[in-house]
Amino acid sequence: MFKHILIPTDGSSLAQGALAHAVEIAKEIGAKITVVAISDPFHASIVEPMRVKETLEAHDRLAESSAATILSRASAAAEAAGVTCNTVHVCAEPAHRAIVETAQKEGCDLIIMALNRHRGISAVLHESETVLVLKHCTVAMLIV
C-alpha cells in the first residue's frame, strides 16, 4: 500500500479539490503527504542591473508569499484530518520536471493531481502539467 503521497498544488480550486481527495485517501490508508508548490523562476529581459535586482527581489518575495499561503492552507487541511503533512516550495521550471524530482527526492510512492482538460485543438497544442508528469514519471499516479 502507499505510504507517502505527493500532492502538487497551485492553489486553484481544481488543485484544492485534488488535495481534499488526497487528504481523505491518506487518512484512510495511513499515509503521510507532501504538498509541493512550484514557482516559476525569474526571467530577466532588462539590461539595467539595478532594475533587474529590484525586480528579482520582488519576484522572489511574491513567489515565497504565494507559496506560503497555498502551503499553509494545505497543511491546515491535512492537520484537520489528522494526516502528517510536509510542505515544499520549489522554484524551477518546467513544473512537471520539478514535480517528478520532488517525488523522487521525498521518497513518494504516489502522486495525486488534478487534470485540467483541454478540448479540441487546445488538447493537442497544450499538454497539461498532469499529462507531462504522467509521461515522465515512474511513480504511481492517481488523477482526479
N, C-alpha and C. Protein backbone atom coordinates (compact mmCIF):
# COMPACT_ATOMS: atom_id res chain seq x y z
N MET A 1 0.85 -1.18 0.00
CA MET A 1 0.00 0.00 0.00
C MET A 1 0.89 1.24 0.00
N PHE A 2 0.33 2.34 -0.39
CA PHE A 2 1.08 3.59 -0.48
C PHE A 2 1.33 4.18 0.90
N LYS A 3 2.54 4.69 1.10
CA LYS A 3 2.94 5.23 2.40
C LYS A 3 3.18 6.73 2.38
N HIS A 4 3.51 7.27 1.18
CA HIS A 4 3.87 8.69 1.09
C HIS A 4 3.35 9.26 -0.22
N ILE A 5 2.43 10.20 -0.11
CA ILE A 5 1.74 10.77 -1.27
C ILE A 5 2.22 12.19 -1.53
N LEU A 6 2.57 12.47 -2.78
CA LEU A 6 2.93 13.83 -3.19
C LEU A 6 1.70 14.48 -3.82
N ILE A 7 1.43 15.71 -3.41
CA ILE A 7 0.30 16.46 -3.96
C ILE A 7 0.81 17.81 -4.46
N PRO A 8 1.00 17.96 -5.77
CA PRO A 8 1.36 19.26 -6.32
C PRO A 8 0.13 20.16 -6.31
N THR A 9 0.33 21.43 -5.98
CA THR A 9 -0.81 22.35 -5.98
C THR A 9 -0.36 23.75 -6.39
N ASP A 10 -1.26 24.43 -7.08
CA ASP A 10 -1.05 25.83 -7.40
C ASP A 10 -2.06 26.71 -6.68
N GLY A 11 -2.85 26.09 -5.80
CA GLY A 11 -3.83 26.84 -5.02
C GLY A 11 -5.15 27.05 -5.74
N SER A 12 -5.26 26.59 -6.99
CA SER A 12 -6.51 26.77 -7.74
C SER A 12 -7.61 25.89 -7.14
N SER A 13 -8.84 26.16 -7.50
CA SER A 13 -9.95 25.35 -6.99
C SER A 13 -9.83 23.91 -7.46
N LEU A 14 -9.33 23.70 -8.66
CA LEU A 14 -9.13 22.35 -9.18
C LEU A 14 -8.09 21.60 -8.34
N ALA A 15 -6.98 22.27 -8.04
CA ALA A 15 -5.93 21.66 -7.22
C ALA A 15 -6.41 21.45 -5.78
N GLN A 16 -7.22 22.35 -5.28
CA GLN A 16 -7.77 22.20 -3.93
C GLN A 16 -8.66 20.97 -3.84
N GLY A 17 -9.40 20.70 -4.90
CA GLY A 17 -10.23 19.50 -4.94
C GLY A 17 -9.39 18.24 -4.90
N ALA A 18 -8.29 18.24 -5.65
CA ALA A 18 -7.37 17.08 -5.64
C ALA A 18 -6.75 16.93 -4.26
N LEU A 19 -6.41 18.04 -3.64
CA LEU A 19 -5.84 18.00 -2.29
C LEU A 19 -6.83 17.38 -1.30
N ALA A 20 -8.08 17.78 -1.39
CA ALA A 20 -9.10 17.23 -0.48
C ALA A 20 -9.22 15.72 -0.65
N HIS A 21 -9.24 15.25 -1.90
CA HIS A 21 -9.29 13.81 -2.16
C HIS A 21 -8.05 13.11 -1.62
N ALA A 22 -6.90 13.72 -1.84
CA ALA A 22 -5.64 13.12 -1.39
C ALA A 22 -5.58 13.01 0.12
N VAL A 23 -6.05 14.04 0.82
CA VAL A 23 -6.06 14.00 2.28
C VAL A 23 -6.98 12.88 2.77
N GLU A 24 -8.14 12.74 2.15
CA GLU A 24 -9.06 11.65 2.52
C GLU A 24 -8.42 10.28 2.30
N ILE A 25 -7.77 10.12 1.16
CA ILE A 25 -7.11 8.85 0.85
C ILE A 25 -5.99 8.58 1.86
N ALA A 26 -5.17 9.59 2.12
CA ALA A 26 -4.06 9.43 3.07
C ALA A 26 -4.57 9.04 4.45
N LYS A 27 -5.67 9.64 4.87
CA LYS A 27 -6.24 9.30 6.17
C LYS A 27 -6.71 7.85 6.19
N GLU A 28 -7.38 7.43 5.12
CA GLU A 28 -7.90 6.06 5.03
C GLU A 28 -6.80 5.00 5.07
N ILE A 29 -5.70 5.27 4.39
CA ILE A 29 -4.65 4.25 4.28
C ILE A 29 -3.49 4.47 5.24
N GLY A 30 -3.54 5.56 6.01
CA GLY A 30 -2.49 5.83 6.99
C GLY A 30 -1.19 6.32 6.37
N ALA A 31 -1.30 7.02 5.25
CA ALA A 31 -0.11 7.55 4.57
C ALA A 31 0.17 8.97 5.02
N LYS A 32 1.41 9.40 4.85
CA LYS A 32 1.73 10.80 5.07
C LYS A 32 1.72 11.49 3.70
N ILE A 33 1.63 12.81 3.72
CA ILE A 33 1.60 13.55 2.47
C ILE A 33 2.69 14.61 2.45
N THR A 34 3.12 14.91 1.25
CA THR A 34 3.97 16.07 1.00
C THR A 34 3.25 16.90 -0.05
N VAL A 35 3.05 18.16 0.27
CA VAL A 35 2.40 19.08 -0.67
C VAL A 35 3.48 19.98 -1.24
N VAL A 36 3.53 20.08 -2.57
CA VAL A 36 4.54 20.91 -3.21
C VAL A 36 3.88 22.01 -4.02
N ALA A 37 4.42 23.22 -3.86
CA ALA A 37 4.03 24.37 -4.68
C ALA A 37 5.23 24.72 -5.55
N ILE A 38 4.99 24.87 -6.83
CA ILE A 38 6.06 25.18 -7.78
C ILE A 38 5.90 26.62 -8.24
N SER A 39 6.99 27.38 -8.14
CA SER A 39 7.01 28.75 -8.65
C SER A 39 7.94 28.82 -9.84
N ASP A 40 7.58 29.64 -10.81
CA ASP A 40 8.46 29.86 -11.95
C ASP A 40 9.63 30.73 -11.52
N PRO A 41 10.84 30.43 -12.01
CA PRO A 41 11.97 31.30 -11.69
C PRO A 41 11.84 32.63 -12.42
N PHE A 42 12.57 33.59 -11.95
CA PHE A 42 12.59 34.92 -12.55
C PHE A 42 13.36 34.87 -13.87
N HIS A 43 12.81 35.52 -14.89
CA HIS A 43 13.49 35.65 -16.18
C HIS A 43 13.68 37.13 -16.46
N ALA A 44 14.92 37.54 -16.61
CA ALA A 44 15.21 38.96 -16.84
C ALA A 44 15.33 39.24 -18.33
N SER A 45 14.72 40.33 -18.73
CA SER A 45 14.87 40.79 -20.11
C SER A 45 15.22 42.28 -20.12
N ILE A 46 15.78 42.75 -19.00
CA ILE A 46 16.14 44.16 -18.85
C ILE A 46 17.65 44.25 -18.77
N VAL A 47 18.22 45.30 -19.34
CA VAL A 47 19.66 45.45 -19.39
C VAL A 47 20.20 46.16 -18.14
N GLU A 48 19.40 46.98 -17.49
CA GLU A 48 19.86 47.75 -16.34
C GLU A 48 19.98 46.86 -15.10
N PRO A 49 21.20 46.61 -14.61
CA PRO A 49 21.40 45.68 -13.49
C PRO A 49 20.64 46.05 -12.21
N MET A 50 20.58 47.33 -11.85
CA MET A 50 19.89 47.72 -10.62
C MET A 50 18.40 47.42 -10.71
N ARG A 51 17.84 47.64 -11.84
CA ARG A 51 16.42 47.38 -12.03
C ARG A 51 16.12 45.87 -11.98
N VAL A 52 17.02 45.07 -12.54
CA VAL A 52 16.85 43.63 -12.50
C VAL A 52 16.89 43.13 -11.06
N LYS A 53 17.82 43.66 -10.26
CA LYS A 53 17.94 43.24 -8.87
C LYS A 53 16.65 43.53 -8.11
N GLU A 54 16.10 44.71 -8.27
CA GLU A 54 14.85 45.05 -7.59
C GLU A 54 13.71 44.14 -8.05
N THR A 55 13.64 43.89 -9.33
CA THR A 55 12.59 43.05 -9.87
C THR A 55 12.77 41.61 -9.40
N LEU A 56 13.98 41.12 -9.39
CA LEU A 56 14.26 39.77 -8.92
C LEU A 56 13.85 39.62 -7.46
N GLU A 57 14.21 40.59 -6.63
CA GLU A 57 13.84 40.54 -5.21
C GLU A 57 12.33 40.57 -5.04
N ALA A 58 11.65 41.41 -5.79
CA ALA A 58 10.18 41.49 -5.70
C ALA A 58 9.55 40.17 -6.17
N HIS A 59 10.08 39.60 -7.23
CA HIS A 59 9.58 38.33 -7.74
C HIS A 59 9.73 37.24 -6.68
N ASP A 60 10.90 37.17 -6.09
CA ASP A 60 11.17 36.14 -5.07
C ASP A 60 10.26 36.31 -3.86
N ARG A 61 10.07 37.54 -3.41
CA ARG A 61 9.17 37.80 -2.27
C ARG A 61 7.75 37.37 -2.60
N LEU A 62 7.28 37.71 -3.77
CA LEU A 62 5.92 37.36 -4.18
C LEU A 62 5.77 35.84 -4.30
N ALA A 63 6.75 35.18 -4.90
CA ALA A 63 6.70 33.71 -5.05
C ALA A 63 6.68 33.04 -3.68
N GLU A 64 7.52 33.48 -2.77
CA GLU A 64 7.56 32.91 -1.42
C GLU A 64 6.25 33.14 -0.68
N SER A 65 5.74 34.34 -0.78
CA SER A 65 4.48 34.69 -0.10
C SER A 65 3.32 33.87 -0.64
N SER A 66 3.23 33.76 -1.95
CA SER A 66 2.15 33.00 -2.57
C SER A 66 2.25 31.52 -2.19
N ALA A 67 3.44 30.96 -2.27
CA ALA A 67 3.64 29.55 -1.91
C ALA A 67 3.32 29.32 -0.44
N ALA A 68 3.74 30.24 0.42
CA ALA A 68 3.47 30.09 1.86
C ALA A 68 1.98 30.05 2.14
N THR A 69 1.22 30.90 1.47
CA THR A 69 -0.23 30.92 1.64
C THR A 69 -0.86 29.61 1.18
N ILE A 70 -0.48 29.16 0.00
CA ILE A 70 -1.01 27.91 -0.56
C ILE A 70 -0.66 26.73 0.33
N LEU A 71 0.59 26.66 0.75
CA LEU A 71 1.05 25.53 1.54
C LEU A 71 0.48 25.54 2.96
N SER A 72 0.26 26.72 3.52
CA SER A 72 -0.32 26.76 4.87
C SER A 72 -1.77 26.28 4.84
N ARG A 73 -2.51 26.61 3.78
CA ARG A 73 -3.88 26.09 3.64
C ARG A 73 -3.88 24.57 3.52
N ALA A 74 -2.95 24.05 2.73
CA ALA A 74 -2.86 22.60 2.55
C ALA A 74 -2.48 21.92 3.85
N SER A 75 -1.55 22.50 4.56
CA SER A 75 -1.11 21.94 5.84
C SER A 75 -2.25 21.94 6.86
N ALA A 76 -3.03 23.01 6.87
CA ALA A 76 -4.17 23.09 7.79
C ALA A 76 -5.22 22.03 7.47
N ALA A 77 -5.46 21.79 6.18
CA ALA A 77 -6.43 20.76 5.78
C ALA A 77 -5.96 19.38 6.22
N ALA A 78 -4.68 19.11 6.06
CA ALA A 78 -4.14 17.82 6.48
C ALA A 78 -4.20 17.68 8.00
N GLU A 79 -3.81 18.73 8.70
CA GLU A 79 -3.84 18.70 10.16
C GLU A 79 -5.25 18.46 10.69
N ALA A 80 -6.24 19.10 10.07
CA ALA A 80 -7.63 18.93 10.49
C ALA A 80 -8.09 17.48 10.33
N ALA A 81 -7.51 16.78 9.35
CA ALA A 81 -7.87 15.39 9.11
C ALA A 81 -6.98 14.41 9.88
N GLY A 82 -5.98 14.95 10.57
CA GLY A 82 -5.08 14.09 11.33
C GLY A 82 -4.04 13.39 10.46
N VAL A 83 -3.70 14.01 9.34
CA VAL A 83 -2.73 13.42 8.40
C VAL A 83 -1.40 14.16 8.54
N THR A 84 -0.31 13.41 8.63
CA THR A 84 1.02 14.01 8.70
C THR A 84 1.34 14.66 7.36
N CYS A 85 1.76 15.93 7.42
CA CYS A 85 1.97 16.70 6.20
C CYS A 85 3.29 17.44 6.23
N ASN A 86 4.02 17.34 5.14
CA ASN A 86 5.24 18.10 4.92
C ASN A 86 4.95 19.02 3.74
N THR A 87 5.49 20.22 3.74
CA THR A 87 5.29 21.13 2.62
C THR A 87 6.64 21.52 2.02
N VAL A 88 6.64 21.70 0.71
CA VAL A 88 7.85 22.04 -0.03
C VAL A 88 7.52 23.11 -1.05
N HIS A 89 8.38 24.12 -1.13
CA HIS A 89 8.27 25.12 -2.19
C HIS A 89 9.48 24.98 -3.08
N VAL A 90 9.25 24.81 -4.38
CA VAL A 90 10.32 24.67 -5.35
C VAL A 90 10.17 25.77 -6.39
N CYS A 91 11.27 26.45 -6.66
CA CYS A 91 11.28 27.46 -7.71
C CYS A 91 12.07 26.88 -8.87
N ALA A 92 11.36 26.38 -9.87
CA ALA A 92 12.01 25.71 -11.00
C ALA A 92 11.04 25.59 -12.16
N GLU A 93 11.59 25.35 -13.31
CA GLU A 93 10.78 25.03 -14.47
C GLU A 93 11.51 24.03 -15.33
N PRO A 94 10.84 23.26 -16.09
CA PRO A 94 9.39 23.17 -16.16
C PRO A 94 8.80 22.52 -14.91
N ALA A 95 7.56 22.86 -14.63
CA ALA A 95 6.90 22.38 -13.42
C ALA A 95 6.82 20.87 -13.35
N HIS A 96 6.54 20.22 -14.48
CA HIS A 96 6.41 18.76 -14.44
C HIS A 96 7.72 18.09 -14.01
N ARG A 97 8.84 18.63 -14.43
CA ARG A 97 10.12 18.06 -14.03
C ARG A 97 10.36 18.29 -12.53
N ALA A 98 9.99 19.46 -12.03
CA ALA A 98 10.13 19.75 -10.60
C ALA A 98 9.26 18.81 -9.76
N ILE A 99 8.08 18.50 -10.26
CA ILE A 99 7.19 17.58 -9.55
C ILE A 99 7.80 16.18 -9.50
N VAL A 100 8.28 15.70 -10.63
CA VAL A 100 8.89 14.37 -10.69
C VAL A 100 10.11 14.31 -9.77
N GLU A 101 10.95 15.32 -9.82
CA GLU A 101 12.15 15.34 -8.98
C GLU A 101 11.80 15.42 -7.49
N THR A 102 10.77 16.18 -7.15
CA THR A 102 10.34 16.27 -5.75
C THR A 102 9.82 14.93 -5.26
N ALA A 103 9.06 14.24 -6.10
CA ALA A 103 8.55 12.91 -5.72
C ALA A 103 9.71 11.96 -5.43
N GLN A 104 10.72 11.99 -6.27
CA GLN A 104 11.88 11.13 -6.07
C GLN A 104 12.66 11.54 -4.83
N LYS A 105 12.91 12.82 -4.68
CA LYS A 105 13.70 13.33 -3.55
C LYS A 105 13.03 13.03 -2.22
N GLU A 106 11.71 13.18 -2.17
CA GLU A 106 10.96 12.99 -0.92
C GLU A 106 10.61 11.53 -0.66
N GLY A 107 10.88 10.65 -1.62
CA GLY A 107 10.57 9.23 -1.45
C GLY A 107 9.09 8.92 -1.53
N CYS A 108 8.37 9.66 -2.36
CA CYS A 108 6.92 9.45 -2.51
C CYS A 108 6.66 8.24 -3.41
N ASP A 109 5.62 7.49 -3.08
CA ASP A 109 5.27 6.33 -3.89
C ASP A 109 3.94 6.51 -4.62
N LEU A 110 3.34 7.69 -4.50
CA LEU A 110 2.10 8.01 -5.21
C LEU A 110 2.02 9.52 -5.38
N ILE A 111 1.59 9.94 -6.57
CA ILE A 111 1.32 11.36 -6.83
C ILE A 111 -0.16 11.48 -7.13
N ILE A 112 -0.82 12.41 -6.46
CA ILE A 112 -2.23 12.68 -6.75
C ILE A 112 -2.34 14.09 -7.29
N MET A 113 -2.89 14.20 -8.49
CA MET A 113 -3.02 15.50 -9.17
C MET A 113 -4.39 15.63 -9.81
N ALA A 114 -4.78 16.86 -10.01
CA ALA A 114 -6.00 17.16 -10.77
C ALA A 114 -5.64 17.22 -12.25
N LEU A 115 -6.63 17.02 -13.08
CA LEU A 115 -6.43 17.12 -14.52
C LEU A 115 -7.32 18.22 -15.06
N ASN A 116 -6.69 19.23 -15.64
CA ASN A 116 -7.42 20.31 -16.29
C ASN A 116 -7.54 19.92 -17.76
N ARG A 117 -8.71 19.53 -18.16
CA ARG A 117 -8.91 19.00 -19.51
C ARG A 117 -9.03 20.12 -20.53
N HIS A 118 -8.26 19.94 -21.59
CA HIS A 118 -8.39 20.81 -22.76
C HIS A 118 -9.20 20.03 -23.78
N ARG A 119 -9.92 20.73 -24.60
CA ARG A 119 -10.73 20.06 -25.61
C ARG A 119 -10.29 20.53 -27.01
N GLY A 120 -10.55 19.69 -27.98
CA GLY A 120 -10.28 20.05 -29.38
C GLY A 120 -8.81 20.28 -29.65
N ILE A 121 -8.53 21.27 -30.49
CA ILE A 121 -7.15 21.56 -30.89
C ILE A 121 -6.32 22.00 -29.69
N SER A 122 -6.95 22.60 -28.71
CA SER A 122 -6.24 23.03 -27.50
C SER A 122 -5.60 21.84 -26.79
N ALA A 123 -6.27 20.69 -26.81
CA ALA A 123 -5.73 19.49 -26.18
C ALA A 123 -4.46 19.02 -26.89
N VAL A 124 -4.39 19.24 -28.19
CA VAL A 124 -3.21 18.85 -28.96
C VAL A 124 -2.06 19.83 -28.72
N LEU A 125 -2.38 21.09 -28.66
CA LEU A 125 -1.35 22.13 -28.55
C LEU A 125 -0.85 22.36 -27.13
N HIS A 126 -1.69 22.13 -26.13
CA HIS A 126 -1.34 22.47 -24.76
C HIS A 126 -1.49 21.25 -23.86
N GLU A 127 -0.41 20.53 -23.67
CA GLU A 127 -0.47 19.41 -22.73
C GLU A 127 -0.49 19.97 -21.32
N SER A 128 -1.31 19.41 -20.48
CA SER A 128 -1.35 19.87 -19.10
C SER A 128 -0.13 19.38 -18.35
N GLU A 129 0.17 20.03 -17.23
CA GLU A 129 1.28 19.58 -16.39
C GLU A 129 1.03 18.15 -15.92
N THR A 130 -0.22 17.81 -15.66
CA THR A 130 -0.55 16.46 -15.20
C THR A 130 -0.15 15.43 -16.25
N VAL A 131 -0.47 15.68 -17.49
CA VAL A 131 -0.11 14.75 -18.57
C VAL A 131 1.40 14.67 -18.72
N LEU A 132 2.09 15.79 -18.58
CA LEU A 132 3.55 15.78 -18.68
C LEU A 132 4.18 15.00 -17.53
N VAL A 133 3.64 15.15 -16.32
CA VAL A 133 4.14 14.35 -15.19
C VAL A 133 3.92 12.88 -15.48
N LEU A 134 2.75 12.55 -15.95
CA LEU A 134 2.41 11.16 -16.26
C LEU A 134 3.40 10.58 -17.28
N LYS A 135 3.78 11.36 -18.27
CA LYS A 135 4.71 10.89 -19.31
C LYS A 135 6.13 10.68 -18.79
N HIS A 136 6.54 11.47 -17.78
CA HIS A 136 7.93 11.46 -17.36
C HIS A 136 8.20 10.85 -16.00
N CYS A 137 7.20 10.29 -15.37
CA CYS A 137 7.35 9.82 -14.00
C CYS A 137 7.23 8.31 -13.90
N THR A 138 8.00 7.73 -13.00
CA THR A 138 7.90 6.30 -12.75
C THR A 138 7.13 6.02 -11.47
N VAL A 139 6.74 7.06 -10.76
CA VAL A 139 5.95 6.92 -9.53
C VAL A 139 4.48 6.74 -9.94
N ALA A 140 3.75 5.92 -9.20
CA ALA A 140 2.33 5.72 -9.47
C ALA A 140 1.59 7.06 -9.37
N MET A 141 0.55 7.21 -10.20
CA MET A 141 -0.24 8.45 -10.18
C MET A 141 -1.72 8.13 -10.07
N LEU A 142 -2.42 9.00 -9.36
CA LEU A 142 -3.87 8.99 -9.31
C LEU A 142 -4.30 10.37 -9.79
N ILE A 143 -5.08 10.40 -10.84
CA ILE A 143 -5.52 11.66 -11.43
C ILE A 143 -6.99 11.86 -11.10
N VAL A 144 -7.30 13.01 -10.49
CA VAL A 144 -8.69 13.31 -10.13
C VAL A 144 -9.18 14.52 -10.89
